Structure formats: structure tokens, C-alpha cells
């Protein structure tokens, strides 16, 4: 029996007509793909429902981080919502816990450094990221980790941020990556996570 994998992306937000995380996830073969709402109130319930529906062994959540130059494999999710802009429902929480009384943070349960190494080997720019922000992406990443810790024992999962798609930066003011390359990169992450549970012991740190 093949391993079931769930990949999620977000609906567009912030006035954009496109979110490359969903545009990429929706084209991937061999996975179940779900578009999450870009809302603090709706995203984790939608993720929980998708996990219950598809019963995956691996979950890869993805979102847009405009301005990043490659795929960012996230290391840690923190227990705080601190929104610079409102979500798609108009909510803008400030300094609110995602799970009251929950752990301050969760680490990804994916082999993040092995994923980055595999992406670079495939010719896709990638790096370990030390922050998933404090908007809905981090909210979902933390929510996924908390669901794994409290409801779905044995499930593994993590989060990858993707750059803008080229059509979002027609003035060339920010880096971008074709959606097809993003999808290929997410496939590399999935394949790497399925093939190993022990991470590489190599530097993935940052000075800032």
C-alpha cells in the first residue's frame, strides 16, 4: 500500500489574485491536496478535517513568503499570532496564543536539512528557515504540530514557505520562482521526508 501524503496551500490573500503555494500544491501528482483559508479562525479546523478525511502519514503545509529567494524549509513554529495585516476574514490578532497553555514552540518533525540538501541537489534554491513569521502560515504550522502531539499520534509533518510566482512581480522588484519549479521542489521535500526520518548533521543555522 502506498503512503498517503497531504499537501496544503493557501488561498490568495492581501489583495493578490494568486497564491503560489496552492497553485503548486494543486498540480502535484500522488498526493492529496487541500486549499486552506487564509484565516486564523478557519485554517486549523480545515486542516484537521483534511487529516481526518485523508488519513495521511505525512503532511506538508505550504504558504507564501514574498521576498524569499527559494524554498524555505521551516524549523520551528511558535505559539503566537501577531498579525501585521488582517487575514481574509478581517481578523488581526496581536500577541495572542494559538493554543492557550500550549508549548511555546514545536520543531518540525521532518528531516529539514536533508530536505534542503535534496532541493539544492535538484537545482532548486532552498534554505532552512528559523522563523515562519507570526501570520496564518505560522498559525497553521503550529496547529499542525499541536494536532500531531495531541490527536494524531504517528503522523509527521512540517511547513515550507515558497517565493512569489513570476506573474506576481512583473516589475522584478522581488525574487520569484515558476509554479512548476515550486511544485517540483515540494515533491522533492515529500520524497525526502518519506525516505528518511533521521536528519543530516550539517549546519543550517543563521547569524540573524
N, C-alpha and C. Protein backbone atom coordinates (compact mmCIF):
# COMPACT_ATOMS: atom_id res chain seq x y z
N UNK A 1 0.85 -1.19 0.00
CA UNK A 1 0.00 0.00 0.00
C UNK A 1 0.89 1.24 0.00
N UNK A 2 0.56 2.19 -0.84
CA UNK A 2 1.35 3.41 -0.91
C UNK A 2 1.06 4.30 0.29
N UNK A 3 2.04 5.13 0.62
CA UNK A 3 1.89 6.05 1.74
C UNK A 3 1.05 7.24 1.30
N UNK A 4 0.08 7.61 2.12
CA UNK A 4 -0.76 8.76 1.80
C UNK A 4 -0.09 10.03 2.31
N UNK A 5 -0.05 11.03 1.45
CA UNK A 5 0.57 12.31 1.77
C UNK A 5 -0.44 13.41 1.52
N UNK A 6 -0.55 14.32 2.47
CA UNK A 6 -1.41 15.50 2.34
C UNK A 6 -0.53 16.73 2.19
N UNK A 7 -0.78 17.51 1.14
CA UNK A 7 -0.08 18.77 0.93
C UNK A 7 -1.13 19.89 0.91
N UNK A 8 -0.89 20.92 1.69
CA UNK A 8 -1.84 22.04 1.73
C UNK A 8 -1.17 23.31 1.22
N UNK A 9 -1.97 24.16 0.63
CA UNK A 9 -1.56 25.52 0.26
C UNK A 9 -2.65 26.47 0.70
N UNK A 10 -2.40 27.76 0.56
CA UNK A 10 -3.38 28.76 1.00
C UNK A 10 -4.06 29.42 -0.19
N UNK A 11 -5.27 29.89 0.07
CA UNK A 11 -5.95 30.75 -0.87
C UNK A 11 -5.20 32.08 -0.97
N UNK A 12 -5.44 32.86 -2.02
CA UNK A 12 -4.79 34.18 -2.13
C UNK A 12 -5.17 35.09 -0.95
N UNK A 13 -4.29 36.03 -0.64
CA UNK A 13 -4.56 36.98 0.44
C UNK A 13 -3.86 38.29 0.11
N UNK A 14 -4.17 39.30 0.89
CA UNK A 14 -3.50 40.59 0.75
C UNK A 14 -3.76 41.28 -0.57
N UNK A 15 -4.87 40.97 -1.22
CA UNK A 15 -5.21 41.62 -2.47
C UNK A 15 -4.67 40.94 -3.71
N UNK A 16 -3.89 39.88 -3.57
CA UNK A 16 -3.35 39.16 -4.72
C UNK A 16 -4.39 38.21 -5.29
N UNK A 17 -4.32 37.97 -6.59
CA UNK A 17 -5.22 37.02 -7.24
C UNK A 17 -4.66 35.60 -7.24
N UNK A 18 -3.44 35.42 -6.75
CA UNK A 18 -2.76 34.13 -6.82
C UNK A 18 -2.01 33.86 -5.54
N UNK A 19 -2.05 32.63 -5.10
CA UNK A 19 -1.14 32.18 -4.04
C UNK A 19 -0.37 30.99 -4.60
N UNK A 20 0.93 31.16 -4.85
CA UNK A 20 1.70 30.08 -5.49
C UNK A 20 1.80 28.81 -4.65
N UNK A 21 1.55 28.92 -3.35
CA UNK A 21 1.58 27.69 -2.54
C UNK A 21 0.47 26.74 -2.97
N UNK A 22 -0.74 27.27 -3.17
CA UNK A 22 -1.82 26.41 -3.63
C UNK A 22 -1.69 26.09 -5.11
N UNK A 23 -1.25 27.06 -5.89
CA UNK A 23 -1.06 26.82 -7.32
C UNK A 23 -0.12 25.65 -7.54
N UNK A 24 0.92 25.55 -6.72
CA UNK A 24 1.87 24.44 -6.85
C UNK A 24 1.30 23.15 -6.27
N UNK A 25 0.75 23.21 -5.07
CA UNK A 25 0.24 22.00 -4.41
C UNK A 25 -0.84 21.34 -5.25
N UNK A 26 -1.67 22.14 -5.90
CA UNK A 26 -2.81 21.60 -6.65
C UNK A 26 -2.39 20.85 -7.91
N UNK A 27 -1.13 21.00 -8.33
CA UNK A 27 -0.67 20.32 -9.54
C UNK A 27 0.17 19.08 -9.24
N UNK A 28 0.41 18.79 -7.97
CA UNK A 28 1.29 17.68 -7.62
C UNK A 28 0.60 16.33 -7.81
N UNK A 29 1.34 15.38 -8.35
CA UNK A 29 0.82 14.02 -8.54
C UNK A 29 1.10 13.18 -7.29
N UNK A 30 0.22 12.24 -7.02
CA UNK A 30 0.46 11.26 -5.98
C UNK A 30 0.23 11.75 -4.56
N UNK A 31 -0.38 12.92 -4.39
CA UNK A 31 -0.68 13.44 -3.07
C UNK A 31 -2.13 13.89 -3.04
N UNK A 32 -2.66 14.02 -1.83
CA UNK A 32 -3.95 14.68 -1.64
C UNK A 32 -3.66 16.15 -1.34
N UNK A 33 -4.27 17.04 -2.09
CA UNK A 33 -4.01 18.47 -1.94
C UNK A 33 -5.26 19.19 -1.47
N UNK A 34 -5.08 20.10 -0.52
CA UNK A 34 -6.20 20.84 0.05
C UNK A 34 -5.82 22.31 0.15
N UNK A 35 -6.73 23.17 -0.27
CA UNK A 35 -6.54 24.62 -0.14
C UNK A 35 -7.12 25.07 1.20
N UNK A 36 -6.29 25.70 2.02
CA UNK A 36 -6.74 26.20 3.32
C UNK A 36 -7.14 27.66 3.21
N UNK A 37 -8.12 28.08 4.01
CA UNK A 37 -8.46 29.50 4.05
C UNK A 37 -7.35 30.28 4.75
N UNK A 38 -7.09 31.48 4.27
CA UNK A 38 -6.07 32.32 4.91
C UNK A 38 -6.73 33.11 6.03
N UNK A 39 -7.18 32.36 7.03
CA UNK A 39 -7.84 32.96 8.19
C UNK A 39 -7.36 32.27 9.45
N UNK A 40 -7.24 33.05 10.50
CA UNK A 40 -6.83 32.47 11.78
C UNK A 40 -7.90 31.52 12.31
N UNK A 41 -9.16 31.89 12.14
CA UNK A 41 -10.23 31.08 12.71
C UNK A 41 -10.55 29.81 11.94
N UNK A 42 -10.32 29.81 10.64
CA UNK A 42 -10.75 28.68 9.83
C UNK A 42 -9.68 27.72 9.39
N UNK A 43 -8.41 28.13 9.46
CA UNK A 43 -7.35 27.32 8.85
C UNK A 43 -7.08 26.02 9.59
N UNK A 44 -6.97 26.05 10.90
CA UNK A 44 -6.67 24.82 11.64
C UNK A 44 -7.86 23.86 11.61
N UNK A 45 -9.11 24.32 11.79
CA UNK A 45 -10.22 23.38 11.62
C UNK A 45 -10.25 22.73 10.23
N UNK A 46 -9.92 23.50 9.19
CA UNK A 46 -9.88 22.93 7.83
C UNK A 46 -8.77 21.91 7.71
N UNK A 47 -7.62 22.18 8.34
CA UNK A 47 -6.51 21.23 8.32
C UNK A 47 -6.89 19.96 9.06
N UNK A 48 -7.50 20.09 10.23
CA UNK A 48 -7.92 18.91 11.00
C UNK A 48 -8.90 18.07 10.18
N UNK A 49 -9.85 18.72 9.53
CA UNK A 49 -10.83 17.99 8.73
C UNK A 49 -10.16 17.25 7.58
N UNK A 50 -9.15 17.87 6.96
CA UNK A 50 -8.44 17.22 5.86
C UNK A 50 -7.66 16.00 6.35
N UNK A 51 -7.04 16.12 7.52
CA UNK A 51 -6.29 14.98 8.07
C UNK A 51 -7.25 13.83 8.38
N UNK A 52 -8.40 14.15 8.95
CA UNK A 52 -9.37 13.11 9.25
C UNK A 52 -9.90 12.46 7.97
N UNK A 53 -10.09 13.26 6.94
CA UNK A 53 -10.63 12.74 5.69
C UNK A 53 -9.65 11.84 4.97
N UNK A 54 -8.39 12.29 4.85
CA UNK A 54 -7.42 11.57 4.01
C UNK A 54 -6.55 10.60 4.79
N UNK A 55 -6.48 10.74 6.10
CA UNK A 55 -5.68 9.85 6.96
C UNK A 55 -4.26 9.70 6.44
N UNK A 56 -3.54 10.81 6.26
CA UNK A 56 -2.18 10.72 5.73
C UNK A 56 -1.19 10.24 6.79
N UNK A 57 -0.04 9.82 6.31
CA UNK A 57 1.08 9.52 7.21
C UNK A 57 2.06 10.69 7.25
N UNK A 58 1.96 11.58 6.26
CA UNK A 58 2.84 12.73 6.18
C UNK A 58 2.01 13.93 5.72
N UNK A 59 2.21 15.07 6.37
CA UNK A 59 1.54 16.31 5.99
C UNK A 59 2.59 17.38 5.72
N UNK A 60 2.51 18.00 4.55
CA UNK A 60 3.37 19.13 4.22
C UNK A 60 2.48 20.33 3.97
N UNK A 61 2.54 21.29 4.88
CA UNK A 61 1.80 22.54 4.71
C UNK A 61 2.72 23.57 4.05
N UNK A 62 2.15 24.38 3.18
CA UNK A 62 2.95 25.36 2.45
C UNK A 62 2.25 26.70 2.45
N UNK A 63 3.04 27.76 2.29
CA UNK A 63 2.49 29.10 2.23
C UNK A 63 3.46 30.04 1.54
N UNK A 64 2.97 31.21 1.23
CA UNK A 64 3.77 32.22 0.53
C UNK A 64 4.55 33.09 1.51
N UNK A 65 5.83 33.28 1.21
CA UNK A 65 6.66 34.26 1.92
C UNK A 65 7.31 35.14 0.86
N UNK A 66 6.58 36.15 0.43
CA UNK A 66 7.08 37.02 -0.63
C UNK A 66 8.39 37.68 -0.25
N UNK A 67 9.34 37.67 -1.17
CA UNK A 67 10.65 38.24 -0.91
C UNK A 67 11.73 37.21 -0.67
N UNK A 68 11.34 35.99 -0.31
CA UNK A 68 12.34 34.94 -0.14
C UNK A 68 12.79 34.43 -1.51
N UNK A 69 14.04 34.00 -1.57
CA UNK A 69 14.65 33.67 -2.86
C UNK A 69 14.49 32.22 -3.27
N UNK A 70 14.08 31.36 -2.35
CA UNK A 70 13.94 29.94 -2.65
C UNK A 70 12.94 29.31 -1.72
N UNK A 71 12.88 27.98 -1.73
CA UNK A 71 12.01 27.29 -0.80
C UNK A 71 12.63 27.34 0.60
N UNK A 72 11.82 27.72 1.57
CA UNK A 72 12.27 27.84 2.96
C UNK A 72 11.66 26.70 3.76
N UNK A 73 12.48 25.76 4.18
CA UNK A 73 12.00 24.63 4.98
C UNK A 73 12.05 25.08 6.43
N UNK A 74 10.88 25.19 7.04
CA UNK A 74 10.79 25.82 8.36
C UNK A 74 11.21 24.87 9.47
N UNK A 75 11.97 25.42 10.41
CA UNK A 75 12.46 24.64 11.55
C UNK A 75 11.47 24.61 12.71
N UNK A 76 10.84 25.77 13.03
CA UNK A 76 10.10 25.88 14.28
C UNK A 76 8.86 26.74 14.11
N UNK A 77 7.81 26.35 14.81
CA UNK A 77 6.58 27.13 14.88
C UNK A 77 6.41 27.63 16.31
N UNK A 78 5.99 28.88 16.46
CA UNK A 78 5.86 29.46 17.81
C UNK A 78 4.39 29.74 18.13
N UNK A 79 4.08 29.72 19.41
CA UNK A 79 2.70 29.80 19.88
C UNK A 79 2.24 31.24 20.03
N UNK A 80 2.22 31.98 18.92
CA UNK A 80 1.74 33.36 18.98
C UNK A 80 1.22 33.78 17.62
N UNK A 81 0.10 34.50 17.65
CA UNK A 81 -0.42 35.21 16.49
C UNK A 81 -0.16 36.69 16.71
N UNK A 82 0.50 37.33 15.74
CA UNK A 82 0.79 38.76 15.83
C UNK A 82 0.74 39.30 14.40
N UNK A 83 -0.45 39.67 13.96
CA UNK A 83 -0.70 39.94 12.55
C UNK A 83 -0.40 41.39 12.19
N UNK A 84 0.47 41.57 11.19
CA UNK A 84 0.76 42.91 10.67
C UNK A 84 -0.38 43.41 9.80
N UNK A 85 -1.05 42.47 9.11
CA UNK A 85 -2.22 42.80 8.30
C UNK A 85 -3.37 41.89 8.71
N UNK A 86 -4.57 42.26 8.32
CA UNK A 86 -5.73 41.43 8.63
C UNK A 86 -5.76 40.20 7.73
N UNK A 87 -6.33 39.12 8.25
CA UNK A 87 -6.50 37.93 7.42
C UNK A 87 -7.70 38.11 6.50
N UNK A 88 -8.06 37.10 5.76
CA UNK A 88 -9.13 37.22 4.78
C UNK A 88 -10.52 37.35 5.40
N UNK A 89 -10.61 37.14 6.71
CA UNK A 89 -11.88 37.35 7.42
C UNK A 89 -11.89 38.68 8.17
N UNK A 90 -10.80 39.44 8.03
CA UNK A 90 -10.71 40.73 8.71
C UNK A 90 -10.15 40.66 10.11
N UNK A 91 -9.72 39.49 10.55
CA UNK A 91 -9.16 39.34 11.90
C UNK A 91 -7.69 39.75 11.91
N UNK A 92 -7.28 40.41 12.98
CA UNK A 92 -5.89 40.85 13.12
C UNK A 92 -5.46 40.70 14.57
N UNK A 93 -5.27 39.45 15.04
CA UNK A 93 -4.87 39.23 16.43
C UNK A 93 -3.47 39.77 16.69
N UNK A 94 -3.28 40.27 17.88
CA UNK A 94 -1.99 40.81 18.29
C UNK A 94 -1.58 40.15 19.60
N UNK A 95 -0.43 39.50 19.58
CA UNK A 95 0.14 38.87 20.77
C UNK A 95 -0.83 37.90 21.44
N UNK A 96 -1.53 37.10 20.63
CA UNK A 96 -2.46 36.11 21.17
C UNK A 96 -1.90 34.71 20.97
N UNK A 97 -2.04 33.84 21.97
CA UNK A 97 -1.56 32.46 21.79
C UNK A 97 -2.42 31.71 20.78
N UNK A 98 -1.80 30.85 20.02
CA UNK A 98 -2.55 29.99 19.11
C UNK A 98 -3.30 28.94 19.91
N UNK A 99 -2.62 28.33 20.86
CA UNK A 99 -3.23 27.36 21.78
C UNK A 99 -2.95 27.84 23.20
N UNK A 100 -3.92 28.43 23.88
CA UNK A 100 -3.68 28.88 25.26
C UNK A 100 -3.17 27.74 26.13
N UNK A 101 -2.05 27.98 26.80
CA UNK A 101 -1.45 26.95 27.64
C UNK A 101 -0.63 25.93 26.90
N UNK A 102 -0.54 26.07 25.56
CA UNK A 102 0.25 25.14 24.77
C UNK A 102 1.73 25.42 24.90
N UNK A 103 2.57 24.52 24.41
CA UNK A 103 4.02 24.75 24.44
C UNK A 103 4.39 26.04 23.71
N UNK A 104 5.50 26.64 24.11
CA UNK A 104 5.94 27.88 23.46
C UNK A 104 6.25 27.66 21.99
N UNK A 105 6.72 26.46 21.64
CA UNK A 105 7.11 26.19 20.26
C UNK A 105 7.11 24.70 20.00
N UNK A 106 7.05 24.37 18.72
CA UNK A 106 7.23 23.00 18.25
C UNK A 106 8.25 23.01 17.13
N UNK A 107 9.12 21.98 17.10
CA UNK A 107 10.01 21.79 15.98
C UNK A 107 9.34 20.93 14.91
N UNK A 108 9.72 21.14 13.67
CA UNK A 108 9.25 20.30 12.58
C UNK A 108 9.63 18.85 12.84
N UNK A 109 8.76 17.94 12.42
CA UNK A 109 9.09 16.51 12.54
C UNK A 109 9.61 15.95 11.22
N UNK A 110 9.95 16.84 10.29
CA UNK A 110 10.55 16.42 9.02
C UNK A 110 12.08 16.58 9.09
N UNK A 111 12.82 15.84 8.27
CA UNK A 111 14.28 15.99 8.22
C UNK A 111 14.63 17.24 7.41
N UNK A 112 14.58 18.39 8.05
CA UNK A 112 14.62 19.67 7.34
C UNK A 112 15.93 19.89 6.58
N UNK A 113 17.04 19.51 7.16
CA UNK A 113 18.33 19.73 6.50
C UNK A 113 18.52 18.77 5.34
N UNK A 114 18.05 17.56 5.48
CA UNK A 114 18.11 16.61 4.36
C UNK A 114 17.22 17.10 3.22
N UNK A 115 16.09 17.70 3.56
CA UNK A 115 15.21 18.25 2.52
C UNK A 115 15.90 19.37 1.76
N UNK A 116 16.56 20.26 2.49
CA UNK A 116 17.27 21.36 1.85
C UNK A 116 18.38 20.83 0.95
N UNK A 117 19.13 19.86 1.46
CA UNK A 117 20.22 19.28 0.65
C UNK A 117 19.68 18.66 -0.63
N UNK A 118 18.56 17.96 -0.53
CA UNK A 118 17.97 17.32 -1.70
C UNK A 118 17.46 18.36 -2.70
N UNK A 119 16.89 19.43 -2.19
CA UNK A 119 16.42 20.50 -3.07
C UNK A 119 17.58 21.13 -3.83
N UNK A 120 18.65 21.42 -3.13
CA UNK A 120 19.81 22.02 -3.79
C UNK A 120 20.41 21.06 -4.82
N UNK A 121 20.42 19.78 -4.49
CA UNK A 121 20.93 18.79 -5.44
C UNK A 121 20.08 18.76 -6.71
N UNK A 122 18.79 19.05 -6.54
CA UNK A 122 17.88 19.08 -7.68
C UNK A 122 17.90 20.41 -8.41
N UNK A 123 18.76 21.33 -7.98
CA UNK A 123 18.88 22.61 -8.64
C UNK A 123 17.85 23.64 -8.23
N UNK A 124 17.22 23.43 -7.07
CA UNK A 124 16.19 24.35 -6.59
C UNK A 124 16.74 25.12 -5.38
N UNK A 125 16.79 26.45 -5.45
CA UNK A 125 17.28 27.23 -4.31
C UNK A 125 16.47 26.93 -3.05
N UNK A 126 17.17 26.69 -1.94
CA UNK A 126 16.49 26.31 -0.71
C UNK A 126 17.36 26.61 0.48
N UNK A 127 16.73 26.77 1.64
CA UNK A 127 17.45 27.01 2.89
C UNK A 127 16.56 26.61 4.05
N UNK A 128 17.20 26.28 5.18
CA UNK A 128 16.48 26.14 6.43
C UNK A 128 16.08 27.53 6.89
N UNK A 129 14.83 27.68 7.30
CA UNK A 129 14.35 28.96 7.84
C UNK A 129 14.14 28.83 9.33
N UNK A 130 14.55 29.87 10.06
CA UNK A 130 14.43 29.86 11.52
C UNK A 130 13.14 30.50 12.01
N UNK A 131 12.35 31.06 11.12
CA UNK A 131 11.08 31.67 11.53
C UNK A 131 10.04 31.52 10.44
N UNK A 132 8.86 31.10 10.84
CA UNK A 132 7.72 31.01 9.92
C UNK A 132 6.83 32.24 10.04
N UNK A 133 7.34 33.30 10.70
CA UNK A 133 6.55 34.51 10.88
C UNK A 133 5.56 34.38 12.01
N UNK A 134 4.58 35.29 12.03
CA UNK A 134 3.54 35.27 13.06
C UNK A 134 2.16 35.48 12.46
N UNK A 135 2.04 35.18 11.14
CA UNK A 135 0.76 35.32 10.46
C UNK A 135 0.11 33.93 10.34
N UNK A 136 -0.75 33.73 9.38
CA UNK A 136 -1.52 32.48 9.30
C UNK A 136 -0.63 31.28 8.97
N UNK A 137 0.49 31.48 8.28
CA UNK A 137 1.40 30.36 8.00
C UNK A 137 1.92 29.74 9.29
N UNK A 138 2.46 30.55 10.16
CA UNK A 138 2.94 30.04 11.45
C UNK A 138 1.80 29.45 12.25
N UNK A 139 0.63 30.09 12.18
CA UNK A 139 -0.56 29.60 12.87
C UNK A 139 -0.86 28.16 12.46
N UNK A 140 -0.84 27.89 11.16
CA UNK A 140 -1.12 26.55 10.66
C UNK A 140 0.02 25.58 11.01
N UNK A 141 1.25 26.02 10.90
CA UNK A 141 2.39 25.18 11.24
C UNK A 141 2.31 24.75 12.70
N UNK A 142 2.05 25.71 13.58
CA UNK A 142 1.91 25.38 15.00
C UNK A 142 0.70 24.47 15.21
N UNK A 143 -0.41 24.80 14.53
CA UNK A 143 -1.60 23.99 14.67
C UNK A 143 -1.37 22.56 14.23
N UNK A 144 -0.65 22.37 13.12
CA UNK A 144 -0.31 21.03 12.66
C UNK A 144 0.49 20.28 13.70
N UNK A 145 1.52 20.93 14.22
CA UNK A 145 2.37 20.27 15.22
C UNK A 145 1.58 19.92 16.48
N UNK A 146 0.66 20.80 16.87
CA UNK A 146 -0.15 20.53 18.06
C UNK A 146 -1.12 19.38 17.80
N UNK A 147 -1.68 19.33 16.60
CA UNK A 147 -2.55 18.20 16.26
C UNK A 147 -1.78 16.89 16.30
N UNK A 148 -0.54 16.91 15.80
CA UNK A 148 0.29 15.70 15.84
C UNK A 148 0.55 15.28 17.29
N UNK A 149 0.81 16.28 18.15
CA UNK A 149 1.15 15.99 19.54
C UNK A 149 -0.06 15.53 20.36
N UNK A 150 -1.26 15.95 19.96
CA UNK A 150 -2.42 15.71 20.83
C UNK A 150 -3.51 14.82 20.22
N UNK A 151 -3.55 14.71 18.87
CA UNK A 151 -4.66 13.99 18.26
C UNK A 151 -4.25 12.91 17.27
N UNK A 152 -3.12 13.09 16.61
CA UNK A 152 -2.77 12.19 15.52
C UNK A 152 -1.38 11.60 15.74
N UNK A 153 -1.29 10.70 16.70
CA UNK A 153 -0.01 10.06 17.02
C UNK A 153 0.52 9.31 15.83
N UNK A 154 1.82 9.46 15.57
CA UNK A 154 2.46 8.77 14.47
C UNK A 154 2.50 9.57 13.18
N UNK A 155 1.70 10.63 13.11
CA UNK A 155 1.74 11.49 11.93
C UNK A 155 3.00 12.34 11.98
N UNK A 156 3.60 12.61 10.81
CA UNK A 156 4.72 13.54 10.73
C UNK A 156 4.34 14.69 9.82
N UNK A 157 4.93 15.85 10.08
CA UNK A 157 4.58 16.98 9.25
C UNK A 157 5.49 18.17 9.46
N UNK A 158 5.38 19.11 8.53
CA UNK A 158 6.17 20.33 8.60
C UNK A 158 5.64 21.37 7.63
N UNK A 159 6.42 22.43 7.47
CA UNK A 159 5.96 23.57 6.70
C UNK A 159 7.08 24.08 5.80
N UNK A 160 6.69 24.46 4.57
CA UNK A 160 7.62 25.05 3.62
C UNK A 160 7.03 26.35 3.10
N UNK A 161 7.81 27.43 3.17
CA UNK A 161 7.43 28.69 2.54
C UNK A 161 7.96 28.73 1.12
N UNK A 162 7.18 29.33 0.23
CA UNK A 162 7.58 29.42 -1.18
C UNK A 162 7.66 30.89 -1.58
N UNK A 163 8.45 31.20 -2.63
CA UNK A 163 8.57 32.59 -3.09
C UNK A 163 7.36 32.99 -3.94
N UNK A 164 7.37 34.28 -4.32
CA UNK A 164 6.38 34.74 -5.29
C UNK A 164 6.48 33.95 -6.59
N UNK A 165 5.36 33.86 -7.30
CA UNK A 165 5.38 33.41 -8.69
C UNK A 165 5.76 34.59 -9.58
N UNK A 166 6.36 34.36 -10.74
CA UNK A 166 6.82 35.46 -11.59
C UNK A 166 5.73 36.47 -11.92
N UNK A 167 4.50 36.02 -12.13
CA UNK A 167 3.44 36.95 -12.50
C UNK A 167 3.03 37.89 -11.37
N UNK A 168 3.51 37.60 -10.16
CA UNK A 168 3.23 38.49 -9.04
C UNK A 168 4.23 39.63 -8.92
N UNK A 169 5.34 39.53 -9.63
CA UNK A 169 6.40 40.55 -9.52
C UNK A 169 6.84 40.97 -10.91
N UNK A 170 5.90 41.44 -11.70
CA UNK A 170 6.21 41.83 -13.07
C UNK A 170 7.15 43.02 -13.15
N UNK A 171 7.30 43.76 -12.04
CA UNK A 171 8.27 44.86 -12.04
C UNK A 171 9.66 44.39 -11.63
N UNK A 172 9.81 43.07 -11.37
CA UNK A 172 11.09 42.46 -11.00
C UNK A 172 11.66 43.04 -9.71
N UNK A 173 10.79 43.54 -8.85
CA UNK A 173 11.25 44.15 -7.61
C UNK A 173 11.51 43.13 -6.51
N UNK A 174 11.16 41.88 -6.73
CA UNK A 174 11.36 40.84 -5.72
C UNK A 174 11.67 39.52 -6.43
N UNK A 175 12.37 38.62 -5.77
CA UNK A 175 12.67 37.32 -6.38
C UNK A 175 11.40 36.50 -6.57
N UNK A 176 11.45 35.59 -7.53
CA UNK A 176 10.29 34.75 -7.81
C UNK A 176 10.76 33.39 -8.29
N UNK A 177 9.80 32.46 -8.39
CA UNK A 177 10.08 31.11 -8.87
C UNK A 177 8.86 30.60 -9.62
N UNK A 178 9.03 30.00 -10.79
CA UNK A 178 7.89 29.45 -11.52
C UNK A 178 7.14 28.42 -10.67
N UNK A 179 5.82 28.43 -10.81
CA UNK A 179 5.00 27.50 -10.04
C UNK A 179 5.39 26.05 -10.31
N UNK A 180 5.75 25.74 -11.54
CA UNK A 180 6.16 24.36 -11.85
C UNK A 180 7.40 23.96 -11.07
N UNK A 181 8.34 24.89 -10.88
CA UNK A 181 9.54 24.60 -10.10
C UNK A 181 9.21 24.46 -8.62
N UNK A 182 8.28 25.30 -8.15
CA UNK A 182 7.84 25.17 -6.75
C UNK A 182 7.24 23.79 -6.52
N UNK A 183 6.36 23.37 -7.42
CA UNK A 183 5.73 22.06 -7.29
C UNK A 183 6.77 20.94 -7.31
N UNK A 184 7.74 21.07 -8.21
CA UNK A 184 8.80 20.06 -8.27
C UNK A 184 9.58 20.03 -6.96
N UNK A 185 9.86 21.20 -6.41
CA UNK A 185 10.57 21.27 -5.15
C UNK A 185 9.79 20.67 -4.00
N UNK A 186 8.50 20.92 -3.96
CA UNK A 186 7.68 20.33 -2.91
C UNK A 186 7.67 18.81 -3.04
N UNK A 187 7.69 18.31 -4.27
CA UNK A 187 7.80 16.87 -4.47
C UNK A 187 9.10 16.31 -3.94
N UNK A 188 10.18 17.06 -4.10
CA UNK A 188 11.47 16.63 -3.56
C UNK A 188 11.41 16.57 -2.04
N UNK A 189 10.77 17.56 -1.42
CA UNK A 189 10.63 17.55 0.04
C UNK A 189 9.84 16.34 0.49
N UNK A 190 8.73 16.07 -0.18
CA UNK A 190 7.92 14.92 0.18
C UNK A 190 8.71 13.63 0.04
N UNK A 191 9.38 13.45 -1.08
CA UNK A 191 10.16 12.22 -1.31
C UNK A 191 11.25 12.04 -0.25
N UNK A 192 11.91 13.15 0.10
CA UNK A 192 12.97 13.07 1.09
C UNK A 192 12.41 12.72 2.46
N UNK A 193 11.30 13.34 2.82
CA UNK A 193 10.69 13.07 4.12
C UNK A 193 10.18 11.64 4.22
N UNK A 194 9.73 11.09 3.11
CA UNK A 194 9.26 9.70 3.12
C UNK A 194 10.41 8.71 3.20
N UNK A 195 11.57 9.11 2.70
CA UNK A 195 12.68 8.16 2.61
C UNK A 195 13.56 8.14 3.86
N UNK A 196 13.40 9.14 4.72
CA UNK A 196 14.25 9.16 5.91
C UNK A 196 13.57 9.90 7.06
N UNK A 197 13.87 9.45 8.27
CA UNK A 197 13.37 10.11 9.46
C UNK A 197 14.49 10.77 10.26
N UNK A 198 15.72 10.33 10.04
CA UNK A 198 16.88 10.91 10.73
C UNK A 198 17.48 12.00 9.84
N UNK A 199 17.68 13.17 10.41
CA UNK A 199 18.16 14.30 9.62
C UNK A 199 19.68 14.26 9.46
N UNK A 200 20.17 15.04 8.50
CA UNK A 200 21.61 15.22 8.33
C UNK A 200 22.16 16.06 9.47
N UNK A 201 23.40 15.79 9.83
CA UNK A 201 24.07 16.61 10.84
C UNK A 201 24.99 17.57 10.10
N UNK A 202 24.41 18.64 9.61
CA UNK A 202 25.14 19.69 8.89
C UNK A 202 24.59 21.02 9.37
N UNK A 203 25.36 22.07 9.15
CA UNK A 203 24.91 23.38 9.60
C UNK A 203 23.74 23.87 8.76
N UNK A 204 22.74 24.37 9.47
CA UNK A 204 21.62 25.03 8.82
C UNK A 204 21.25 26.29 9.56
N UNK A 205 22.20 26.78 10.34
CA UNK A 205 21.93 27.94 11.19
C UNK A 205 22.05 29.24 10.46
N UNK A 206 21.81 30.31 11.19
CA UNK A 206 21.87 31.65 10.63
C UNK A 206 22.41 32.61 11.68
N UNK A 207 23.06 33.69 11.20
CA UNK A 207 23.60 34.69 12.11
C UNK A 207 22.56 35.74 12.49
N UNK A 208 21.49 35.81 11.70
CA UNK A 208 20.44 36.79 12.00
C UNK A 208 19.07 36.26 11.55
